[in-house]
Amino acid sequence: MKHPLGRLALVTSSLLICSQLWAEPKRPECLAPAKPGGGFDITCKLAQGGLRDAGLLEAPMRVTYMPGGIGAVAYNTVVAQRAGEPGTITAWSSGSLLNLAQGKFGRYDEKAVRWLAAIGTDYGAVTVREDSPLKDFDDLVEALRKDPTGLVIGAGGTIGSQDWMQAAMVARTAGVDPKKLRYVAFEGGGEPMTALLGGHVQVITSGIGEATAQLAAGKVRVLAVLADERLPGALGNIPTAKEQGFDVSWPIARGFYVGPEVSDEDYAWWKQQFDTLLASEEFAKMREQRDLLPLSITGEELQTYVYKQVEQYKALAAEFGLTQQQ
């Protein structure tokens, strides 16, 4: 006869497994809040491939593109229309938090969703075509000092976005008023690169991960990566702006949130999957292939991180004269 405690442990274990199975979404989806080819796309593809390859998600995850307002349309859609969908995760970046800090997501603030996971960090980069006369960051600064309107700078986001902020910080380093720049805003990170390759803009600011494919193809040159130190691996030959004498740094965290009415059980299931994924060596290699550095934060720790970042971005926005919208 089996011991009662043994039967209890077996029943408890079975209930736990069943609970986990019930919590797993039948139609998982990752919303990328921009057109294909940018950082949000990279973030969703990492979740899609990572969770699948690790056996943490049985059903195939689809990636849905929802451009508009550099995350605003997706954020408002999730909060207002898809608040309780257990199978939907949405990509975010530091740019999302910067826009939230400026009130660019309408009536919803950073407390309107449930922050799930940060899976890696990118860094800003200043990129030109391979045949550009601008050979290094100093050439760019001198060109801006000579004529702030002489170069057309393209980026994925309007004035106040993180890509604009990178350009503004470069301009400030050159002693140039950022408002005098010839800045062209695109939706997402893929379009500015296309414009650069087509000769429609002369410089783009973006995350380094959005430039690596064309960099490897020999079509572009990165004048500077906006990190405190040189990046590891294949990108280690790209100088930082700081080592070239210009104090400009811009880290870009990337991750996911879920709707505000997602149940605690479903949220806990997703958190467990990402905790497992982020601890695996296989995912670390996958993340490195996408030129992202480690940043593994989930749950309440991530919520604290996000709230703190938004407060810091509010101060930065005020510094550049960007009035918070109410």
C-alpha atoms as a PDB file:
ATOM      1  CA  MET A   1       0.000   0.000   0.000  1.00  0.00           C
ATOM      2  CA  LYS A   2       1.351   3.380  -0.964  1.00  0.00           C
ATOM      3  CA  HIS A   3       2.052   5.916   1.748  1.00  0.00           C
ATOM      4  CA  PRO A   4      -0.563   8.730   1.935  1.00  0.00           C
ATOM      5  CA  LEU A   5       2.148  11.382   1.699  1.00  0.00           C
ATOM      6  CA  GLY A   6       3.475   9.775  -1.440  1.00  0.00           C
ATOM      7  CA  ARG A   7       0.027   9.832  -3.026  1.00  0.00           C
ATOM      8  CA  LEU A   8      -0.342  13.494  -1.973  1.00  0.00           C
ATOM      9  CA  ALA A   9       2.979  14.402  -3.579  1.00  0.00           C
ATOM     10  CA  LEU A  10       1.965  12.596  -6.773  1.00  0.00           C
ATOM     11  CA  VAL A  11      -1.394  14.368  -6.895  1.00  0.00           C
ATOM     12  CA  THR A  12       0.269  17.749  -6.196  1.00  0.00           C
ATOM     13  CA  SER A  13       2.821  17.154  -8.950  1.00  0.00           C
ATOM     14  CA  SER A  14       0.090  16.144 -11.401  1.00  0.00           C
ATOM     15  CA  LEU A  15      -1.958  19.231 -10.569  1.00  0.00           C
ATOM     16  CA  LEU A  16       1.109  21.438 -11.115  1.00  0.00           C
ATOM     17  CA  ILE A  17       1.755  19.893 -14.522  1.00  0.00           C
ATOM     18  CA  CYS A  18      -1.909  20.240 -15.495  1.00  0.00           C
ATOM     19  CA  SER A  19      -1.916  23.849 -14.317  1.00  0.00           C
ATOM     20  CA  GLN A  20       1.123  24.588 -16.465  1.00  0.00           C
ATOM     21  CA  LEU A  21      -0.512  22.940 -19.470  1.00  0.00           C
ATOM     22  CA  TRP A  22      -3.713  24.902 -18.948  1.00  0.00           C
ATOM     23  CA  ALA A  23      -1.755  28.153 -18.733  1.00  0.00           C
ATOM     24  CA  GLU A  24       0.133  27.568 -21.977  1.00  0.00           C
ATOM     25  CA  PRO A  25      -1.477  29.651 -24.733  1.00  0.00           C
ATOM     26  CA  LYS A  26      -3.000  27.803 -27.684  1.00  0.00           C
ATOM     27  CA  ARG A  27      -2.259  30.580 -30.201  1.00  0.00           C
ATOM     28  CA  PRO A  28       0.803  32.506 -28.984  1.00  0.00           C
ATOM     29  CA  GLU A  29       1.499  35.796 -30.718  1.00  0.00           C
ATOM     30  CA  CYS A  30       4.183  38.454 -30.529  1.00  0.00           C
ATOM     31  CA  LEU A  31       3.207  41.974 -31.525  1.00  0.00           C
ATOM     32  CA  ALA A  32       6.037  43.940 -33.148  1.00  0.00           C
ATOM     33  CA  PRO A  33       4.974  47.622 -32.953  1.00  0.00           C
ATOM     34  CA  ALA A  34       6.567  48.636 -36.284  1.00  0.00           C
ATOM     35  CA  LYS A  35       7.118  47.429 -39.825  1.00  0.00           C
ATOM     36  CA  PRO A  36       9.417  44.426 -40.456  1.00  0.00           C
ATOM     37  CA  GLY A  37      13.169  44.814 -40.274  1.00  0.00           C
ATOM     38  CA  GLY A  38      13.739  46.861 -37.133  1.00  0.00           C
ATOM     39  CA  GLY A  39      14.492  46.270 -33.476  1.00  0.00           C
ATOM     40  CA  PHE A  40      10.947  45.241 -32.528  1.00  0.00           C
ATOM     41  CA  ASP A  41      11.069  42.618 -35.277  1.00  0.00           C
ATOM     42  CA  ILE A  42      14.385  41.308 -33.935  1.00  0.00           C
ATOM     43  CA  THR A  43      12.934  41.139 -30.424  1.00  0.00           C
ATOM     44  CA  CYS A  44       9.889  39.120 -31.497  1.00  0.00           C
ATOM     45  CA  LYS A  45      11.986  36.794 -33.650  1.00  0.00           C
ATOM     46  CA  LEU A  46      14.200  36.063 -30.646  1.00  0.00           C
ATOM     47  CA  ALA A  47      11.183  35.039 -28.574  1.00  0.00           C
ATOM     48  CA  GLN A  48       9.700  33.074 -31.453  1.00  0.00           C
ATOM     49  CA  GLY A  49      12.870  31.091 -32.153  1.00  0.00           C
ATOM     50  CA  GLY A  50      14.176  30.895 -28.604  1.00  0.00           C
ATOM     51  CA  LEU A  51      11.012  29.548 -26.976  1.00  0.00           C
ATOM     52  CA  ARG A  52      10.483  27.091 -29.839  1.00  0.00           C
ATOM     53  CA  ASP A  53      14.026  25.723 -29.894  1.00  0.00           C
ATOM     54  CA  ALA A  54      14.100  25.351 -26.106  1.00  0.00           C
ATOM     55  CA  GLY A  55      10.830  23.390 -26.131  1.00  0.00           C
ATOM     56  CA  LEU A  56       9.165  25.998 -23.926  1.00  0.00           C
ATOM     57  CA  LEU A  57       6.304  26.662 -26.314  1.00  0.00           C
ATOM     58  CA  GLU A  58       4.396  23.872 -28.034  1.00  0.00           C
ATOM     59  CA  ALA A  59       2.289  25.884 -30.482  1.00  0.00           C
ATOM     60  CA  PRO A  60       4.100  27.986 -33.110  1.00  0.00           C
ATOM     61  CA  MET A  61       4.283  31.681 -32.247  1.00  0.00           C
ATOM     62  CA  ARG A  62       3.249  34.091 -34.976  1.00  0.00           C
ATOM     63  CA  VAL A  63       4.709  37.576 -35.305  1.00  0.00           C
ATOM     64  CA  THR A  64       2.212  40.344 -36.100  1.00  0.00           C
ATOM     65  CA  TYR A  65       3.370  43.793 -37.192  1.00  0.00           C
ATOM     66  CA  MET A  66       1.418  46.743 -35.819  1.00  0.00           C
ATOM     67  CA  PRO A  67       3.199  49.977 -36.820  1.00  0.00           C
ATOM     68  CA  GLY A  68       2.117  53.391 -35.644  1.00  0.00           C
ATOM     69  CA  GLY A  69       3.584  55.986 -33.319  1.00  0.00           C
ATOM     70  CA  ILE A  70       6.706  53.895 -32.592  1.00  0.00           C
ATOM     71  CA  GLY A  71       4.762  51.619 -30.292  1.00  0.00           C
ATOM     72  CA  ALA A  72       1.787  53.840 -29.469  1.00  0.00           C
ATOM     73  CA  VAL A  73      -0.769  52.018 -31.629  1.00  0.00           C
ATOM     74  CA  ALA A  74       0.217  48.607 -30.262  1.00  0.00           C
ATOM     75  CA  TYR A  75       0.288  49.857 -26.657  1.00  0.00           C
ATOM     76  CA  ASN A  76      -3.167  51.424 -26.913  1.00  0.00           C
ATOM     77  CA  THR A  77      -4.555  48.376 -28.712  1.00  0.00           C
ATOM     78  CA  VAL A  78      -3.286  45.982 -26.058  1.00  0.00           C
ATOM     79  CA  VAL A  79      -4.555  48.085 -23.152  1.00  0.00           C
ATOM     80  CA  ALA A  80      -7.938  49.036 -24.599  1.00  0.00           C
ATOM     81  CA  GLN A  81      -8.885  46.089 -26.808  1.00  0.00           C
ATOM     82  CA  ARG A  82      -6.712  43.076 -25.963  1.00  0.00           C
ATOM     83  CA  ALA A  83      -6.112  43.602 -22.258  1.00  0.00           C
ATOM     84  CA  GLY A  84      -6.763  40.035 -21.139  1.00  0.00           C
ATOM     85  CA  GLU A  85      -5.325  38.008 -24.022  1.00  0.00           C
ATOM     86  CA  PRO A  86      -3.141  35.361 -22.350  1.00  0.00           C
ATOM     87  CA  GLY A  87      -1.220  34.396 -25.477  1.00  0.00           C
ATOM     88  CA  THR A  88      -0.152  37.857 -26.642  1.00  0.00           C
ATOM     89  CA  ILE A  89       3.199  39.383 -25.760  1.00  0.00           C
ATOM     90  CA  THR A  90       4.290  42.743 -27.163  1.00  0.00           C
ATOM     91  CA  ALA A  91       7.841  43.908 -27.836  1.00  0.00           C
ATOM     92  CA  TRP A  92       9.125  47.074 -26.189  1.00  0.00           C
ATOM     93  CA  SER A  93      12.427  48.935 -26.141  1.00  0.00           C
ATOM     94  CA  SER A  94      13.973  51.845 -24.296  1.00  0.00           C
ATOM     95  CA  GLY A  95      12.399  53.976 -27.029  1.00  0.00           C
ATOM     96  CA  SER A  96       8.978  52.851 -25.833  1.00  0.00           C
ATOM     97  CA  LEU A  97       9.840  54.010 -22.319  1.00  0.00           C
ATOM     98  CA  LEU A  98      11.132  57.333 -23.638  1.00  0.00           C
ATOM     99  CA  ASN A  99       7.843  57.891 -25.477  1.00  0.00           C
ATOM    100  CA  LEU A 100       5.869  56.958 -22.368  1.00  0.00           C
ATOM    101  CA  ALA A 101       7.906  59.495 -20.414  1.00  0.00           C
ATOM    102  CA  GLN A 102       6.747  62.185 -22.843  1.00  0.00           C
ATOM    103  CA  GLY A 103       3.099  61.134 -22.778  1.00  0.00           C
ATOM    104  CA  LYS A 104       3.227  60.017 -26.415  1.00  0.00           C
ATOM    105  CA  PHE A 105       1.105  56.933 -25.814  1.00  0.00           C
ATOM    106  CA  GLY A 106      -1.996  59.013 -25.121  1.00  0.00           C
ATOM    107  CA  ARG A 107      -3.839  58.580 -21.848  1.00  0.00           C
ATOM    108  CA  TYR A 108      -1.969  55.427 -20.871  1.00  0.00           C
ATOM    109  CA  ASP A 109       1.214  55.613 -18.809  1.00  0.00           C
ATOM    110  CA  GLU A 110       3.882  53.061 -17.891  1.00  0.00           C
ATOM    111  CA  LYS A 111       1.570  51.499 -15.282  1.00  0.00           C
ATOM    112  CA  ALA A 112      -1.055  50.487 -17.838  1.00  0.00           C
ATOM    113  CA  VAL A 113       0.490  47.103 -18.763  1.00  0.00           C
ATOM    114  CA  ARG A 114       2.207  44.183 -17.036  1.00  0.00           C
ATOM    115  CA  TRP A 115       5.938  44.263 -17.755  1.00  0.00           C
ATOM    116  CA  LEU A 116       7.089  40.712 -18.412  1.00  0.00           C
ATOM    117  CA  ALA A 117      10.734  40.383 -19.419  1.00  0.00           C
ATOM    118  CA  ALA A 118      13.832  42.188 -20.660  1.00  0.00           C
ATOM    119  CA  ILE A 119      15.881  39.823 -22.824  1.00  0.00           C
ATOM    120  CA  GLY A 120      18.839  41.863 -24.030  1.00  0.00           C
ATOM    121  CA  THR A 121      20.337  45.263 -24.641  1.00  0.00           C
ATOM    122  CA  ASP A 122      21.369  46.969 -27.844  1.00  0.00           C
ATOM    123  CA  TYR A 123      23.328  50.201 -28.246  1.00  0.00           C
ATOM    124  CA  GLY A 124      22.825  53.208 -30.434  1.00  0.00           C
ATOM    125  CA  ALA A 125      24.890  53.577 -33.581  1.00  0.00           C
ATOM    126  CA  VAL A 126      25.606  56.270 -36.154  1.00  0.00           C
ATOM    127  CA  THR A 127      25.784  54.790 -39.644  1.00  0.00           C
ATOM    128  CA  VAL A 128      26.632  56.040 -43.143  1.00  0.00           C
ATOM    129  CA  ARG A 129      26.978  54.343 -46.516  1.00  0.00           C
ATOM    130  CA  GLU A 130      30.286  52.684 -47.224  1.00  0.00           C
ATOM    131  CA  ASP A 131      31.067  55.270 -49.929  1.00  0.00           C
ATOM    132  CA  SER A 132      30.273  58.254 -47.673  1.00  0.00           C
ATOM    133  CA  PRO A 133      32.903  61.022 -47.440  1.00  0.00           C
ATOM    134  CA  LEU A 134      32.364  60.893 -43.660  1.00  0.00           C
ATOM    135  CA  LYS A 135      35.087  58.499 -42.547  1.00  0.00           C
ATOM    136  CA  ASP A 136      34.794  58.811 -38.769  1.00  0.00           C
ATOM    137  CA  PHE A 137      32.731  60.426 -36.027  1.00  0.00           C
ATOM    138  CA  ASP A 138      34.930  63.530 -36.034  1.00  0.00           C
ATOM    139  CA  ASP A 139      34.078  64.093 -39.716  1.00  0.00           C
ATOM    140  CA  LEU A 140      30.388  63.992 -38.829  1.00  0.00           C
ATOM    141  CA  VAL A 141      30.770  66.457 -35.976  1.00  0.00           C
ATOM    142  CA  GLU A 142      32.775  68.856 -38.119  1.00  0.00           C
ATOM    143  CA  ALA A 143      30.184  68.656 -40.903  1.00  0.00           C
ATOM    144  CA  LEU A 144      27.400  69.495 -38.457  1.00  0.00           C
ATOM    145  CA  ARG A 145      29.377  72.392 -37.019  1.00  0.00           C
ATOM    146  CA  LYS A 146      29.991  73.785 -40.498  1.00  0.00           C
ATOM    147  CA  ASP A 147      26.358  73.455 -41.604  1.00  0.00           C
ATOM    148  CA  PRO A 148      23.732  71.735 -39.403  1.00  0.00           C
ATOM    149  CA  THR A 149      21.400  71.511 -42.422  1.00  0.00           C
ATOM    150  CA  GLY A 150      24.020  70.089 -44.774  1.00  0.00           C
ATOM    151  CA  LEU A 151      23.287  66.468 -43.907  1.00  0.00           C
ATOM    152  CA  VAL A 152      19.939  64.693 -43.981  1.00  0.00           C
ATOM    153  CA  ILE A 153      19.682  62.443 -40.923  1.00  0.00           C
ATOM    154  CA  GLY A 154      17.165  59.617 -40.991  1.00  0.00           C
ATOM    155  CA  ALA A 155      15.874  57.596 -38.056  1.00  0.00           C
ATOM    156  CA  GLY A 156      12.995  55.437 -36.916  1.00  0.00           C
ATOM    157  CA  GLY A 157      10.912  57.896 -34.933  1.00  0.00           C
ATOM    158  CA  THR A 158       9.668  61.461 -34.724  1.00  0.00           C
ATOM    159  CA  ILE A 159      11.166  64.289 -32.672  1.00  0.00           C
ATOM    160  CA  GLY A 160      11.562  63.064 -29.114  1.00  0.00           C
ATOM    161  CA  SER A 161      12.028  59.406 -30.064  1.00  0.00           C
ATOM    162  CA  GLN A 162      15.114  57.514 -28.977  1.00  0.00           C
ATOM    163  CA  ASP A 163      16.677  57.658 -32.457  1.00  0.00           C
ATOM    164  CA  TRP A 164      16.045  61.419 -32.559  1.00  0.00           C
ATOM    165  CA  MET A 165      17.522  61.640 -29.075  1.00  0.00           C
ATOM    166  CA  GLN A 166      20.703  59.990 -30.322  1.00  0.00           C
ATOM    167  CA  ALA A 167      20.946  62.528 -33.140  1.00  0.00           C
ATOM    168  CA  ALA A 168      20.210  65.358 -30.691  1.00  0.00           C
ATOM    169  CA  MET A 169      22.956  64.205 -28.327  1.00  0.00           C
ATOM    170  CA  VAL A 170      25.413  64.035 -31.237  1.00  0.00           C
ATOM    171  CA  ALA A 171      24.396  67.570 -32.253  1.00  0.00           C
ATOM    172  CA  ARG A 172      24.804  68.837 -28.699  1.00  0.00           C
ATOM    173  CA  THR A 173      28.273  67.312 -28.597  1.00  0.00           C
ATOM    174  CA  ALA A 174      29.073  69.306 -31.721  1.00  0.00           C
ATOM    175  CA  GLY A 175      27.721  72.467 -30.124  1.00  0.00           C
ATOM    176  CA  VAL A 176      24.782  72.516 -32.563  1.00  0.00           C
ATOM    177  CA  ASP A 177      21.132  73.188 -31.705  1.00  0.00           C
ATOM    178  CA  PRO A 178      19.334  69.847 -32.354  1.00  0.00           C
ATOM    179  CA  LYS A 179      16.332  71.748 -33.719  1.00  0.00           C
ATOM    180  CA  LYS A 180      18.464  72.925 -36.659  1.00  0.00           C
ATOM    181  CA  LEU A 181      19.139  69.382 -37.902  1.00  0.00           C
ATOM    182  CA  ARG A 182      17.569  68.148 -41.140  1.00  0.00           C
ATOM    183  CA  TYR A 183      15.855  65.168 -39.588  1.00  0.00           C
ATOM    184  CA  VAL A 184      13.608  62.723 -41.463  1.00  0.00           C
ATOM    185  CA  ALA A 185      11.398  60.429 -39.374  1.00  0.00           C
ATOM    186  CA  PHE A 186      10.526  56.903 -40.479  1.00  0.00           C
ATOM    187  CA  GLU A 187       8.343  54.210 -38.936  1.00  0.00           C
ATOM    188  CA  GLY A 188      10.586  51.549 -37.410  1.00  0.00           C
ATOM    189  CA  GLY A 189      14.227  50.677 -38.014  1.00  0.00           C
ATOM    190  CA  GLY A 190      14.017  49.042 -41.451  1.00  0.00           C
ATOM    191  CA  GLU A 191      12.935  52.086 -43.463  1.00  0.00           C
ATOM    192  CA  PRO A 192      15.829  54.407 -42.497  1.00  0.00           C
ATOM    193  CA  MET A 193      18.352  51.797 -43.639  1.00  0.00           C
ATOM    194  CA  THR A 194      16.556  51.485 -46.979  1.00  0.00           C
ATOM    195  CA  ALA A 195      16.611  55.272 -47.326  1.00  0.00           C
ATOM    196  CA  LEU A 196      20.319  55.355 -46.512  1.00  0.00           C
ATOM    197  CA  LEU A 197      21.188  52.701 -49.075  1.00  0.00           C
ATOM    198  CA  GLY A 198      19.076  54.555 -51.645  1.00  0.00           C
ATOM    199  CA  GLY A 199      20.913  57.826 -51.028  1.00  0.00           C
ATOM    200  CA  HIS A 200      17.840  59.632 -49.685  1.00  0.00           C
ATOM    201  CA  VAL A 201      19.533  60.355 -46.341  1.00  0.00           C
ATOM    202  CA  GLN A 202      23.247  60.638 -45.575  1.00  0.00           C
ATOM    203  CA  VAL A 203      23.295  59.454 -41.950  1.00  0.00           C
ATOM    204  CA  ILE A 204      21.051  57.302 -39.793  1.00  0.00           C
ATOM    205  CA  THR A 205      20.871  56.789 -36.048  1.00  0.00           C
ATOM    206  CA  SER A 206      19.540  53.431 -34.837  1.00  0.00           C
ATOM    207  CA  GLY A 207      20.361  50.439 -32.700  1.00  0.00           C
ATOM    208  CA  ILE A 208      23.567  48.683 -33.760  1.00  0.00           C
ATOM    209  CA  GLY A 209      21.585  45.463 -34.246  1.00  0.00           C
ATOM    210  CA  GLU A 210      19.612  47.122 -37.038  1.00  0.00           C
ATOM    211  CA  ALA A 211      22.806  47.891 -38.954  1.00  0.00           C
ATOM    212  CA  THR A 212      24.768  44.665 -38.673  1.00  0.00           C
ATOM    213  CA  ALA A 213      23.316  42.874 -41.708  1.00  0.00           C
ATOM    214  CA  GLN A 214      24.288  45.677 -44.092  1.00  0.00           C
ATOM    215  CA  LEU A 215      27.560  46.154 -42.236  1.00  0.00           C
ATOM    216  CA  ALA A 216      28.440  42.504 -42.845  1.00  0.00           C
ATOM    217  CA  ALA A 217      27.479  42.938 -46.502  1.00  0.00           C
ATOM    218  CA  GLY A 218      29.948  45.824 -46.798  1.00  0.00           C
ATOM    219  CA  LYS A 219      27.261  48.343 -47.738  1.00  0.00           C
ATOM    220  CA  VAL A 220      27.508  50.631 -44.704  1.00  0.00           C
ATOM    221  CA  ARG A 221      30.044  51.926 -42.192  1.00  0.00           C
ATOM    222  CA  VAL A 222      29.290  52.570 -38.531  1.00  0.00           C
ATOM    223  CA  LEU A 223      31.042  55.776 -37.470  1.00  0.00           C
ATOM    224  CA  ALA A 224      30.497  55.095 -33.785  1.00  0.00           C
ATOM    225  CA  VAL A 225      28.648  52.829 -31.420  1.00  0.00           C
ATOM    226  CA  LEU A 226      27.057  54.730 -28.537  1.00  0.00           C
ATOM    227  CA  ALA A 227      28.321  52.534 -25.707  1.00  0.00           C
ATOM    228  CA  ASP A 228      30.671  53.209 -22.808  1.00  0.00           C
ATOM    229  CA  GLU A 229      33.091  50.556 -24.061  1.00  0.00           C
ATOM    230  CA  ARG A 230      33.660  48.670 -27.297  1.00  0.00           C
ATOM    231  CA  LEU A 231      31.240  45.831 -27.864  1.00  0.00           C
ATOM    232  CA  PRO A 232      32.462  42.225 -27.707  1.00  0.00           C
ATOM    233  CA  GLY A 233      32.877  39.848 -30.613  1.00  0.00           C
ATOM    234  CA  ALA A 234      32.673  40.830 -34.258  1.00  0.00           C
ATOM    235  CA  LEU A 235      31.604  44.396 -33.429  1.00  0.00           C
ATOM    236  CA  GLY A 236      34.712  45.037 -31.360  1.00  0.00           C
ATOM    237  CA  ASN A 237      36.420  46.822 -34.258  1.00  0.00           C
ATOM    238  CA  ILE A 238      33.844  49.636 -34.216  1.00  0.00           C
ATOM    239  CA  PRO A 239      35.021  52.581 -32.091  1.00  0.00           C
ATOM    240  CA  THR A 240      32.763  54.190 -29.525  1.00  0.00           C
ATOM    241  CA  ALA A 241      31.913  57.880 -29.659  1.00  0.00           C
ATOM    242  CA  LYS A 242      33.515  58.236 -26.243  1.00  0.00           C
ATOM    243  CA  GLU A 243      36.905  56.956 -27.327  1.00  0.00           C
ATOM    244  CA  GLN A 244      36.779  59.440 -30.209  1.00  0.00           C
ATOM    245  CA  GLY A 245      36.380  62.236 -27.691  1.00  0.00           C
ATOM    246  CA  PHE A 246      32.589  62.686 -27.644  1.00  0.00           C
ATOM    247  CA  ASP A 247      30.590  61.799 -24.539  1.00  0.00           C
ATOM    248  CA  VAL A 248      27.532  60.182 -26.120  1.00  0.00           C
ATOM    249  CA  SER A 249      26.078  56.887 -24.886  1.00  0.00           C
ATOM    250  CA  TRP A 250      22.693  55.285 -25.550  1.00  0.00           C
ATOM    251  CA  PRO A 251      21.849  51.759 -24.313  1.00  0.00           C
ATOM    252  CA  ILE A 252      18.653  50.202 -25.696  1.00  0.00           C
ATOM    253  CA  ALA A 253      16.918  47.579 -23.551  1.00  0.00           C
ATOM    254  CA  ARG A 254      14.557  45.179 -25.355  1.00  0.00           C
ATOM    255  CA  GLY A 255      11.820  42.945 -24.014  1.00  0.00           C
ATOM    256  CA  PHE A 256       8.096  42.203 -23.692  1.00  0.00           C
ATOM    257  CA  TYR A 257       4.932  43.203 -21.845  1.00  0.00           C
ATOM    258  CA  VAL A 258       1.439  41.700 -21.633  1.00  0.00           C
ATOM    259  CA  GLY A 259      -2.002  43.221 -21.229  1.00  0.00           C
ATOM    260  CA  PRO A 260      -3.156  44.633 -17.883  1.00  0.00           C
ATOM    261  CA  GLU A 261      -5.891  42.041 -17.395  1.00  0.00           C
ATOM    262  CA  VAL A 262      -3.805  38.956 -18.114  1.00  0.00           C
ATOM    263  CA  SER A 263      -4.356  36.611 -15.169  1.00  0.00           C
ATOM    264  CA  ASP A 264      -1.693  35.985 -12.544  1.00  0.00           C
ATOM    265  CA  GLU A 265      -1.578  32.343 -13.634  1.00  0.00           C
ATOM    266  CA  ASP A 266      -0.946  33.194 -17.287  1.00  0.00           C
ATOM    267  CA  TYR A 267       1.561  35.903 -16.370  1.00  0.00           C
ATOM    268  CA  ALA A 268       3.416  33.455 -14.099  1.00  0.00           C
ATOM    269  CA  TRP A 269       3.533  30.908 -16.921  1.00  0.00           C
ATOM    270  CA  TRP A 270       5.162  33.389 -19.311  1.00  0.00           C
ATOM    271  CA  LYS A 271       7.569  34.545 -16.612  1.00  0.00           C
ATOM    272  CA  GLN A 272       8.639  30.971 -15.934  1.00  0.00           C
ATOM    273  CA  GLN A 273       9.285  30.332 -19.625  1.00  0.00           C
ATOM    274  CA  PHE A 274      11.414  33.470 -19.959  1.00  0.00           C
ATOM    275  CA  ASP A 275      13.305  32.765 -16.723  1.00  0.00           C
ATOM    276  CA  THR A 276      14.187  29.345 -18.133  1.00  0.00           C
ATOM    277  CA  LEU A 277      15.025  30.722 -21.572  1.00  0.00           C
ATOM    278  CA  LEU A 278      17.240  33.515 -20.265  1.00  0.00           C
ATOM    279  CA  ALA A 279      19.256  31.038 -18.187  1.00  0.00           C
ATOM    280  CA  SER A 280      20.087  28.815 -21.180  1.00  0.00           C
ATOM    281  CA  GLU A 281      23.393  28.879 -23.052  1.00  0.00           C
ATOM    282  CA  GLU A 282      21.597  28.222 -26.333  1.00  0.00           C
ATOM    283  CA  PHE A 283      19.591  31.427 -26.025  1.00  0.00           C
ATOM    284  CA  ALA A 284      22.714  33.348 -25.046  1.00  0.00           C
ATOM    285  CA  LYS A 285      24.260  32.279 -28.361  1.00  0.00           C
ATOM    286  CA  MET A 286      21.100  33.196 -30.264  1.00  0.00           C
ATOM    287  CA  ARG A 287      21.039  36.630 -28.616  1.00  0.00           C
ATOM    288  CA  GLU A 288      24.701  37.171 -29.461  1.00  0.00           C
ATOM    289  CA  GLN A 289      24.002  36.312 -33.106  1.00  0.00           C
ATOM    290  CA  ARG A 290      21.504  39.172 -33.087  1.00  0.00           C
ATOM    291  CA  ASP A 291      24.224  41.457 -31.678  1.00  0.00           C
ATOM    292  CA  LEU A 292      22.466  41.950 -28.352  1.00  0.00           C
ATOM    293  CA  LEU A 293      24.234  41.929 -25.006  1.00  0.00           C
ATOM    294  CA  PRO A 294      22.835  40.184 -21.908  1.00  0.00           C
ATOM    295  CA  LEU A 295      20.055  41.834 -19.944  1.00  0.00           C
ATOM    296  CA  SER A 296      17.877  39.341 -18.104  1.00  0.00           C
ATOM    297  CA  ILE A 297      15.151  40.853 -15.923  1.00  0.00           C
ATOM    298  CA  THR A 298      11.611  39.556 -15.357  1.00  0.00           C
ATOM    299  CA  GLY A 299       8.560  40.143 -13.188  1.00  0.00           C
ATOM    300  CA  GLU A 300       8.549  42.681 -10.373  1.00  0.00           C
ATOM    301  CA  GLU A 301      12.248  43.421 -10.830  1.00  0.00           C
ATOM    302  CA  LEU A 302      11.537  44.495 -14.403  1.00  0.00           C
ATOM    303  CA  GLN A 303       8.604  46.657 -13.311  1.00  0.00           C
ATOM    304  CA  THR A 304      10.896  48.511 -10.897  1.00  0.00           C
ATOM    305  CA  TYR A 305      13.478  48.931 -13.686  1.00  0.00           C
ATOM    306  CA  VAL A 306      10.886  50.304 -16.113  1.00  0.00           C
ATOM    307  CA  TYR A 307       9.426  52.821 -13.656  1.00  0.00           C
ATOM    308  CA  LYS A 308      12.915  54.084 -12.805  1.00  0.00           C
ATOM    309  CA  GLN A 309      13.883  54.414 -16.479  1.00  0.00           C
ATOM    310  CA  VAL A 310      10.742  56.380 -17.279  1.00  0.00           C
ATOM    311  CA  GLU A 311      11.545  58.885 -14.516  1.00  0.00           C
ATOM    312  CA  GLN A 312      15.072  59.297 -15.884  1.00  0.00           C
ATOM    313  CA  TYR A 313      13.737  59.820 -19.400  1.00  0.00           C
ATOM    314  CA  LYS A 314      11.331  62.477 -18.158  1.00  0.00           C
ATOM    315  CA  ALA A 315      14.335  64.438 -16.872  1.00  0.00           C
ATOM    316  CA  LEU A 316      16.213  63.936 -20.152  1.00  0.00           C
ATOM    317  CA  ALA A 317      13.215  65.052 -22.202  1.00  0.00           C
ATOM    318  CA  ALA A 318      12.924  68.192 -20.104  1.00  0.00           C
ATOM    319  CA  GLU A 319      16.620  68.847 -20.663  1.00  0.00           C
ATOM    320  CA  PHE A 320      16.026  68.894 -24.424  1.00  0.00           C
ATOM    321  CA  GLY A 321      12.931  71.068 -24.142  1.00  0.00           C
ATOM    322  CA  LEU A 322      10.454  68.323 -24.976  1.00  0.00           C
ATOM    323  CA  THR A 323       7.247  69.160 -23.189  1.00  0.00           C
ATOM    324  CA  GLN A 324       5.371  66.195 -21.782  1.00  0.00           C
ATOM    325  CA  GLN A 325       1.991  65.773 -23.423  1.00  0.00           C
ATOM    326  CA  GLN A 326      -0.986  65.371 -21.125  1.00  0.00           C
END
